[in-house]
Amino acid sequence: MERNDLQEISLEEFEKIDLRIGKIISVEEIPNASKLYKLQVDLGSEKRQLVAGIKEFYSKEELIGKQIIVVANLKPAKIKGIESQGMLLAVKTKEGYTLVTTDKEAELSARVE
């Protein structure tokens, strides 16, 4: 990707995005949603519910206990009638999606800087 293909934002705009460390504590299937999981994520100071389209790339067991990066200040959205209170970060690869995680254990709710 060339630099001129990117839509640049200012540092002030980027600083508005609140990225936090969370830990997946439960995973549920969503009826009639072949690609979605309902996740409960511990952000340290609170627990959040996220809806994520990663079902075809991860089993429920693989996700439990995994630390992830969460966009914590995203406005809640209804997905298949379920409120999603944030978004996890993932990277699209040739094989599908892979989660953005930490390489070492980090404190829950720590801000990604």
N, C-alpha and C. Protein backbone atom coordinates (compact mmCIF):
# COMPACT_ATOMS: atom_id res chain seq x y z
N MET A 1 0.85 -1.17 0.00
CA MET A 1 0.00 0.00 0.00
C MET A 1 0.90 1.23 0.00
N GLU A 2 0.66 2.10 -0.93
CA GLU A 2 1.42 3.33 -1.00
C GLU A 2 0.85 4.37 -0.06
N ARG A 3 1.71 5.24 0.40
CA ARG A 3 1.30 6.26 1.36
C ARG A 3 0.17 7.12 0.82
N ASN A 4 0.16 7.43 -0.47
CA ASN A 4 -0.90 8.28 -1.01
C ASN A 4 -2.25 7.57 -1.11
N ASP A 5 -2.27 6.25 -0.83
CA ASP A 5 -3.53 5.50 -0.78
C ASP A 5 -4.21 5.62 0.58
N LEU A 6 -3.49 6.14 1.57
CA LEU A 6 -4.01 6.23 2.93
C LEU A 6 -4.72 7.56 3.16
N GLN A 7 -5.80 7.47 3.91
CA GLN A 7 -6.47 8.70 4.34
C GLN A 7 -5.83 9.09 5.66
N GLU A 8 -5.06 10.15 5.65
CA GLU A 8 -4.35 10.57 6.85
C GLU A 8 -5.27 11.24 7.85
N ILE A 9 -4.96 11.03 9.13
CA ILE A 9 -5.67 11.73 10.20
C ILE A 9 -4.62 12.45 11.04
N SER A 10 -5.06 13.41 11.79
CA SER A 10 -4.14 14.16 12.64
C SER A 10 -3.87 13.38 13.92
N LEU A 11 -2.82 13.76 14.63
CA LEU A 11 -2.52 13.16 15.92
C LEU A 11 -3.68 13.37 16.89
N GLU A 12 -4.31 14.54 16.83
CA GLU A 12 -5.45 14.83 17.70
C GLU A 12 -6.62 13.88 17.42
N GLU A 13 -6.85 13.57 16.14
CA GLU A 13 -7.91 12.62 15.80
C GLU A 13 -7.58 11.22 16.32
N PHE A 14 -6.33 10.81 16.14
CA PHE A 14 -5.91 9.49 16.61
C PHE A 14 -6.04 9.37 18.12
N GLU A 15 -5.70 10.42 18.83
CA GLU A 15 -5.75 10.40 20.29
C GLU A 15 -7.18 10.23 20.83
N LYS A 16 -8.17 10.45 19.99
CA LYS A 16 -9.57 10.26 20.40
C LYS A 16 -9.93 8.77 20.51
N ILE A 17 -9.17 7.92 19.84
CA ILE A 17 -9.44 6.49 19.86
C ILE A 17 -8.87 5.90 21.14
N ASP A 18 -9.72 5.26 21.93
CA ASP A 18 -9.31 4.69 23.21
C ASP A 18 -9.16 3.19 23.06
N LEU A 19 -7.92 2.73 22.89
CA LEU A 19 -7.61 1.32 22.74
C LEU A 19 -7.20 0.78 24.09
N ARG A 20 -7.86 -0.30 24.54
CA ARG A 20 -7.60 -0.87 25.86
C ARG A 20 -7.34 -2.37 25.78
N ILE A 21 -6.60 -2.87 26.76
CA ILE A 21 -6.35 -4.30 26.88
C ILE A 21 -7.54 -4.95 27.57
N GLY A 22 -8.06 -6.00 26.98
CA GLY A 22 -9.15 -6.76 27.57
C GLY A 22 -8.85 -8.24 27.52
N LYS A 23 -9.59 -9.01 28.31
CA LYS A 23 -9.42 -10.46 28.32
C LYS A 23 -10.78 -11.10 28.07
N ILE A 24 -10.84 -12.00 27.12
CA ILE A 24 -12.09 -12.69 26.81
C ILE A 24 -12.39 -13.69 27.92
N ILE A 25 -13.57 -13.52 28.55
CA ILE A 25 -13.92 -14.40 29.68
C ILE A 25 -15.05 -15.38 29.33
N SER A 26 -15.83 -15.08 28.30
CA SER A 26 -16.82 -16.05 27.85
C SER A 26 -17.15 -15.82 26.38
N VAL A 27 -17.58 -16.89 25.73
CA VAL A 27 -17.91 -16.86 24.30
C VAL A 27 -19.20 -17.64 24.11
N GLU A 28 -20.17 -17.02 23.40
CA GLU A 28 -21.43 -17.69 23.11
C GLU A 28 -21.72 -17.61 21.62
N GLU A 29 -22.37 -18.64 21.14
CA GLU A 29 -22.83 -18.62 19.75
C GLU A 29 -24.09 -17.77 19.68
N ILE A 30 -24.30 -17.17 18.53
CA ILE A 30 -25.49 -16.36 18.28
C ILE A 30 -26.36 -17.13 17.29
N PRO A 31 -27.61 -17.41 17.67
CA PRO A 31 -28.48 -18.16 16.76
C PRO A 31 -28.62 -17.45 15.41
N ASN A 32 -28.61 -18.25 14.35
CA ASN A 32 -28.77 -17.75 12.98
C ASN A 32 -27.67 -16.76 12.56
N ALA A 33 -26.49 -16.91 13.13
CA ALA A 33 -25.35 -16.06 12.76
C ALA A 33 -24.13 -16.95 12.60
N SER A 34 -23.85 -17.37 11.39
CA SER A 34 -22.79 -18.34 11.13
C SER A 34 -21.38 -17.80 11.35
N LYS A 35 -21.20 -16.49 11.39
CA LYS A 35 -19.86 -15.91 11.52
C LYS A 35 -19.63 -15.19 12.83
N LEU A 36 -20.68 -15.05 13.66
CA LEU A 36 -20.58 -14.19 14.84
C LEU A 36 -20.53 -14.95 16.16
N TYR A 37 -19.75 -14.39 17.07
CA TYR A 37 -19.75 -14.81 18.47
C TYR A 37 -20.17 -13.61 19.32
N LYS A 38 -20.77 -13.90 20.46
CA LYS A 38 -21.00 -12.88 21.49
C LYS A 38 -19.95 -13.12 22.56
N LEU A 39 -19.11 -12.12 22.79
CA LEU A 39 -18.00 -12.25 23.73
C LEU A 39 -18.26 -11.39 24.96
N GLN A 40 -17.88 -11.90 26.12
CA GLN A 40 -17.82 -11.09 27.33
C GLN A 40 -16.33 -10.82 27.56
N VAL A 41 -16.00 -9.53 27.68
CA VAL A 41 -14.60 -9.13 27.79
C VAL A 41 -14.40 -8.36 29.09
N ASP A 42 -13.39 -8.76 29.85
CA ASP A 42 -13.03 -8.07 31.09
C ASP A 42 -12.03 -6.98 30.74
N LEU A 43 -12.43 -5.73 31.00
CA LEU A 43 -11.54 -4.59 30.77
C LEU A 43 -10.93 -4.09 32.07
N GLY A 44 -10.96 -4.91 33.10
CA GLY A 44 -10.39 -4.52 34.38
C GLY A 44 -11.39 -3.79 35.24
N SER A 45 -11.75 -2.58 34.85
CA SER A 45 -12.69 -1.78 35.62
C SER A 45 -14.14 -2.11 35.29
N GLU A 46 -14.37 -2.82 34.21
CA GLU A 46 -15.73 -3.18 33.80
C GLU A 46 -15.68 -4.36 32.84
N LYS A 47 -16.85 -4.95 32.65
CA LYS A 47 -16.99 -6.02 31.66
C LYS A 47 -17.84 -5.50 30.51
N ARG A 48 -17.47 -5.88 29.29
CA ARG A 48 -18.18 -5.42 28.10
C ARG A 48 -18.60 -6.61 27.26
N GLN A 49 -19.68 -6.42 26.52
CA GLN A 49 -20.16 -7.41 25.56
C GLN A 49 -19.78 -6.93 24.17
N LEU A 50 -19.12 -7.80 23.41
CA LEU A 50 -18.75 -7.50 22.03
C LEU A 50 -19.34 -8.55 21.12
N VAL A 51 -19.72 -8.15 19.93
CA VAL A 51 -20.12 -9.08 18.88
C VAL A 51 -19.02 -9.03 17.83
N ALA A 52 -18.47 -10.20 17.51
CA ALA A 52 -17.32 -10.24 16.60
C ALA A 52 -17.50 -11.32 15.55
N GLY A 53 -17.13 -11.01 14.32
CA GLY A 53 -17.25 -11.93 13.19
C GLY A 53 -16.02 -12.80 13.01
N ILE A 54 -15.70 -13.58 14.03
CA ILE A 54 -14.47 -14.40 14.01
C ILE A 54 -14.75 -15.89 14.19
N LYS A 55 -15.99 -16.27 14.14
CA LYS A 55 -16.38 -17.66 14.45
C LYS A 55 -15.73 -18.68 13.53
N GLU A 56 -15.57 -18.36 12.26
CA GLU A 56 -14.99 -19.35 11.34
C GLU A 56 -13.48 -19.48 11.48
N PHE A 57 -12.85 -18.62 12.33
CA PHE A 57 -11.40 -18.64 12.47
C PHE A 57 -10.93 -19.09 13.85
N TYR A 58 -11.84 -19.08 14.83
CA TYR A 58 -11.48 -19.45 16.20
C TYR A 58 -12.59 -20.29 16.83
N SER A 59 -12.18 -21.29 17.58
CA SER A 59 -13.15 -22.03 18.39
C SER A 59 -13.39 -21.24 19.67
N LYS A 60 -14.47 -21.54 20.35
CA LYS A 60 -14.76 -20.87 21.62
C LYS A 60 -13.61 -21.11 22.61
N GLU A 61 -13.10 -22.33 22.63
CA GLU A 61 -12.03 -22.68 23.57
C GLU A 61 -10.75 -21.89 23.30
N GLU A 62 -10.45 -21.63 22.04
CA GLU A 62 -9.24 -20.86 21.71
C GLU A 62 -9.32 -19.42 22.20
N LEU A 63 -10.53 -18.90 22.29
CA LEU A 63 -10.71 -17.48 22.63
C LEU A 63 -10.71 -17.21 24.14
N ILE A 64 -11.18 -18.16 24.93
CA ILE A 64 -11.27 -17.96 26.38
C ILE A 64 -9.88 -17.67 26.95
N GLY A 65 -9.77 -16.57 27.68
CA GLY A 65 -8.51 -16.21 28.33
C GLY A 65 -7.56 -15.40 27.47
N LYS A 66 -7.89 -15.21 26.20
CA LYS A 66 -7.00 -14.48 25.30
C LYS A 66 -7.09 -12.98 25.56
N GLN A 67 -5.93 -12.33 25.65
CA GLN A 67 -5.91 -10.87 25.77
C GLN A 67 -6.04 -10.28 24.37
N ILE A 68 -6.89 -9.25 24.26
CA ILE A 68 -7.14 -8.61 22.97
C ILE A 68 -7.07 -7.10 23.13
N ILE A 69 -7.04 -6.42 22.00
CA ILE A 69 -7.09 -4.96 21.97
C ILE A 69 -8.51 -4.57 21.62
N VAL A 70 -9.12 -3.70 22.43
CA VAL A 70 -10.51 -3.30 22.26
C VAL A 70 -10.59 -1.79 22.00
N VAL A 71 -11.37 -1.41 20.99
CA VAL A 71 -11.71 0.00 20.81
C VAL A 71 -12.81 0.27 21.83
N ALA A 72 -12.44 0.91 22.94
CA ALA A 72 -13.34 1.01 24.09
C ALA A 72 -14.33 2.17 23.98
N ASN A 73 -14.02 3.17 23.17
CA ASN A 73 -14.91 4.33 23.11
C ASN A 73 -15.73 4.40 21.82
N LEU A 74 -15.91 3.26 21.18
CA LEU A 74 -16.78 3.19 20.00
C LEU A 74 -18.23 3.19 20.48
N LYS A 75 -19.08 3.93 19.79
CA LYS A 75 -20.50 3.94 20.16
C LYS A 75 -21.07 2.54 20.05
N PRO A 76 -21.90 2.12 21.02
CA PRO A 76 -22.51 0.79 20.93
C PRO A 76 -23.33 0.65 19.65
N ALA A 77 -23.36 -0.57 19.13
CA ALA A 77 -24.11 -0.87 17.91
C ALA A 77 -24.89 -2.15 18.11
N LYS A 78 -26.04 -2.26 17.47
CA LYS A 78 -26.82 -3.50 17.50
C LYS A 78 -26.42 -4.35 16.30
N ILE A 79 -26.02 -5.58 16.58
CA ILE A 79 -25.66 -6.53 15.54
C ILE A 79 -26.49 -7.78 15.79
N LYS A 80 -27.34 -8.16 14.83
CA LYS A 80 -28.26 -9.28 14.99
C LYS A 80 -29.09 -9.13 16.26
N GLY A 81 -29.44 -7.89 16.59
CA GLY A 81 -30.27 -7.62 17.75
C GLY A 81 -29.53 -7.62 19.07
N ILE A 82 -28.22 -7.77 19.05
CA ILE A 82 -27.42 -7.82 20.27
C ILE A 82 -26.52 -6.59 20.31
N GLU A 83 -26.49 -5.94 21.48
CA GLU A 83 -25.65 -4.74 21.60
C GLU A 83 -24.18 -5.12 21.71
N SER A 84 -23.37 -4.49 20.87
CA SER A 84 -21.92 -4.64 20.91
C SER A 84 -21.37 -3.35 21.48
N GLN A 85 -20.61 -3.46 22.58
CA GLN A 85 -20.14 -2.29 23.32
C GLN A 85 -18.66 -2.02 23.08
N GLY A 86 -18.24 -2.13 21.86
CA GLY A 86 -16.85 -1.91 21.49
C GLY A 86 -16.51 -2.77 20.29
N MET A 87 -15.24 -2.80 19.96
CA MET A 87 -14.78 -3.60 18.81
C MET A 87 -13.40 -4.14 19.13
N LEU A 88 -13.18 -5.40 18.79
CA LEU A 88 -11.83 -5.94 18.94
C LEU A 88 -11.05 -5.67 17.65
N LEU A 89 -9.73 -5.63 17.76
CA LEU A 89 -8.90 -5.43 16.58
C LEU A 89 -8.45 -6.77 16.03
N ALA A 90 -8.52 -6.90 14.71
CA ALA A 90 -8.10 -8.11 14.02
C ALA A 90 -7.45 -7.71 12.70
N VAL A 91 -6.66 -8.59 12.16
CA VAL A 91 -5.96 -8.36 10.89
C VAL A 91 -6.45 -9.39 9.89
N LYS A 92 -6.76 -8.94 8.68
CA LYS A 92 -7.16 -9.87 7.63
C LYS A 92 -5.91 -10.43 6.97
N THR A 93 -5.83 -11.76 6.92
CA THR A 93 -4.71 -12.46 6.29
C THR A 93 -5.23 -13.32 5.16
N LYS A 94 -4.35 -14.02 4.48
CA LYS A 94 -4.77 -14.94 3.41
C LYS A 94 -5.68 -16.03 3.96
N GLU A 95 -5.43 -16.44 5.20
CA GLU A 95 -6.20 -17.53 5.81
C GLU A 95 -7.48 -17.05 6.49
N GLY A 96 -7.66 -15.76 6.65
CA GLY A 96 -8.83 -15.22 7.35
C GLY A 96 -8.42 -14.12 8.30
N TYR A 97 -9.05 -14.08 9.45
CA TYR A 97 -8.73 -13.04 10.43
C TYR A 97 -7.91 -13.60 11.56
N THR A 98 -6.99 -12.79 12.06
CA THR A 98 -6.22 -13.13 13.24
C THR A 98 -6.32 -11.95 14.21
N LEU A 99 -6.46 -12.26 15.49
CA LEU A 99 -6.65 -11.22 16.49
C LEU A 99 -5.36 -10.46 16.76
N VAL A 100 -5.49 -9.18 17.04
CA VAL A 100 -4.36 -8.37 17.50
C VAL A 100 -4.30 -8.57 19.01
N THR A 101 -3.18 -9.10 19.48
CA THR A 101 -3.01 -9.42 20.89
C THR A 101 -1.70 -8.83 21.40
N THR A 102 -1.39 -9.10 22.66
CA THR A 102 -0.12 -8.68 23.24
C THR A 102 0.84 -9.88 23.25
N ASP A 103 2.12 -9.61 23.19
CA ASP A 103 3.08 -10.73 23.23
C ASP A 103 3.46 -11.10 24.66
N LYS A 104 3.10 -10.23 25.62
CA LYS A 104 3.28 -10.51 27.04
C LYS A 104 1.99 -10.15 27.75
N GLU A 105 1.79 -10.74 28.93
CA GLU A 105 0.61 -10.44 29.73
C GLU A 105 0.63 -8.95 30.09
N ALA A 106 -0.48 -8.28 29.88
CA ALA A 106 -0.59 -6.85 30.18
C ALA A 106 -1.72 -6.64 31.17
N GLU A 107 -1.66 -5.53 31.89
CA GLU A 107 -2.69 -5.21 32.85
C GLU A 107 -3.99 -4.91 32.13
N LEU A 108 -5.09 -5.51 32.61
CA LEU A 108 -6.39 -5.26 32.01
C LEU A 108 -6.74 -3.79 32.14
N SER A 109 -7.32 -3.24 31.14
CA SER A 109 -7.73 -1.84 30.98
C SER A 109 -6.57 -0.92 30.65
N ALA A 110 -5.34 -1.44 30.56
CA ALA A 110 -4.21 -0.59 30.19
C ALA A 110 -4.48 0.03 28.82
N ARG A 111 -4.15 1.29 28.68
CA ARG A 111 -4.34 2.00 27.42
C ARG A 111 -3.21 1.67 26.47
N VAL A 112 -3.55 1.36 25.23
CA VAL A 112 -2.55 1.10 24.19
C VAL A 112 -2.05 2.46 23.72
N GLU A 113 -0.76 2.64 23.76
CA GLU A 113 -0.17 3.94 23.38
C GLU A 113 0.79 3.79 22.23
